[in-house]
């Protein structure tokens, strides 16, 4: 299975309050929120195998 991979933040302390987490971003969000900090990830393609993300 292929997924539209955008990037990874290896250590994030902002995405899960009180925890350290790995954040994985995928492209293709159907929303166009004006405040989105991930706007560069909305469009484009970079299909990779799911095993790459895992």
C-alpha atoms as a PDB file:
ATOM      1  CA  UNK A   1       0.000   0.000   0.000  1.00  0.00           C
ATOM      2  CA  UNK A   2       1.326   3.446  -0.876  1.00  0.00           C
ATOM      3  CA  UNK A   3       0.723   6.614   1.143  1.00  0.00           C
ATOM      4  CA  UNK A   4       1.251  10.261   0.186  1.00  0.00           C
ATOM      5  CA  UNK A   5       4.086  11.042   2.615  1.00  0.00           C
ATOM      6  CA  UNK A   6       5.029  14.650   3.406  1.00  0.00           C
ATOM      7  CA  UNK A   7       7.532  14.453   6.234  1.00  0.00           C
ATOM      8  CA  UNK A   8       8.388  13.525   9.806  1.00  0.00           C
ATOM      9  CA  UNK A   9       9.222  15.445  12.964  1.00  0.00           C
ATOM     10  CA  UNK A  10      11.309  12.951  14.977  1.00  0.00           C
ATOM     11  CA  UNK A  11      10.722  14.564  18.391  1.00  0.00           C
ATOM     12  CA  UNK A  12       7.731  16.800  19.058  1.00  0.00           C
ATOM     13  CA  UNK A  13       6.604  18.051  22.456  1.00  0.00           C
ATOM     14  CA  UNK A  14       3.845  20.236  20.997  1.00  0.00           C
ATOM     15  CA  UNK A  15       1.621  17.739  19.195  1.00  0.00           C
ATOM     16  CA  UNK A  16       0.666  15.659  22.236  1.00  0.00           C
ATOM     17  CA  UNK A  17       0.428  17.618  25.485  1.00  0.00           C
ATOM     18  CA  UNK A  18       2.701  16.253  28.190  1.00  0.00           C
ATOM     19  CA  UNK A  19       4.267  13.611  25.930  1.00  0.00           C
ATOM     20  CA  UNK A  20       7.110  13.349  23.433  1.00  0.00           C
ATOM     21  CA  UNK A  21       5.888  12.071  20.082  1.00  0.00           C
ATOM     22  CA  UNK A  22       6.968  11.346  16.529  1.00  0.00           C
ATOM     23  CA  UNK A  23       4.749  13.325  14.141  1.00  0.00           C
ATOM     24  CA  UNK A  24       4.196  12.016  10.613  1.00  0.00           C
ATOM     25  CA  UNK A  25       2.647  14.273   7.978  1.00  0.00           C
ATOM     26  CA  UNK A  26       0.719  13.089   4.932  1.00  0.00           C
ATOM     27  CA  UNK A  27      -0.246  15.146   1.884  1.00  0.00           C
ATOM     28  CA  UNK A  28      -3.701  15.663   0.464  1.00  0.00           C
ATOM     29  CA  UNK A  29      -5.781  17.177   3.246  1.00  0.00           C
ATOM     30  CA  UNK A  30      -9.145  18.162   1.746  1.00  0.00           C
ATOM     31  CA  UNK A  31      -9.535  21.153   4.093  1.00  0.00           C
ATOM     32  CA  UNK A  32      -8.088  24.592   3.346  1.00  0.00           C
ATOM     33  CA  UNK A  33      -7.917  26.096   6.827  1.00  0.00           C
ATOM     34  CA  UNK A  34      -6.509  29.650   6.677  1.00  0.00           C
ATOM     35  CA  UNK A  35      -4.488  29.095   9.869  1.00  0.00           C
ATOM     36  CA  UNK A  36      -2.861  25.801   8.812  1.00  0.00           C
ATOM     37  CA  UNK A  37       0.866  25.721   9.583  1.00  0.00           C
ATOM     38  CA  UNK A  38       1.300  22.734   7.248  1.00  0.00           C
ATOM     39  CA  UNK A  39       0.075  24.474   4.110  1.00  0.00           C
ATOM     40  CA  UNK A  40       3.108  23.351   2.014  1.00  0.00           C
ATOM     41  CA  UNK A  41       2.032  19.733   2.593  1.00  0.00           C
ATOM     42  CA  UNK A  42      -1.505  20.130   1.233  1.00  0.00           C
ATOM     43  CA  UNK A  43      -0.656  19.665  -2.430  1.00  0.00           C
ATOM     44  CA  UNK A  44       1.892  17.578  -4.245  1.00  0.00           C
ATOM     45  CA  UNK A  45       2.691  13.912  -4.315  1.00  0.00           C
ATOM     46  CA  UNK A  46       5.380  11.718  -2.839  1.00  0.00           C
ATOM     47  CA  UNK A  47       3.937   8.224  -2.746  1.00  0.00           C
ATOM     48  CA  UNK A  48       6.001   5.792  -0.669  1.00  0.00           C
ATOM     49  CA  UNK A  49       5.344   2.306   0.608  1.00  0.00           C
ATOM     50  CA  UNK A  50       3.683   2.202   4.033  1.00  0.00           C
ATOM     51  CA  UNK A  51       6.638   0.157   5.311  1.00  0.00           C
ATOM     52  CA  UNK A  52       8.883   3.208   4.728  1.00  0.00           C
ATOM     53  CA  UNK A  53       6.744   5.259   7.116  1.00  0.00           C
ATOM     54  CA  UNK A  54       6.500   2.480   9.683  1.00  0.00           C
END
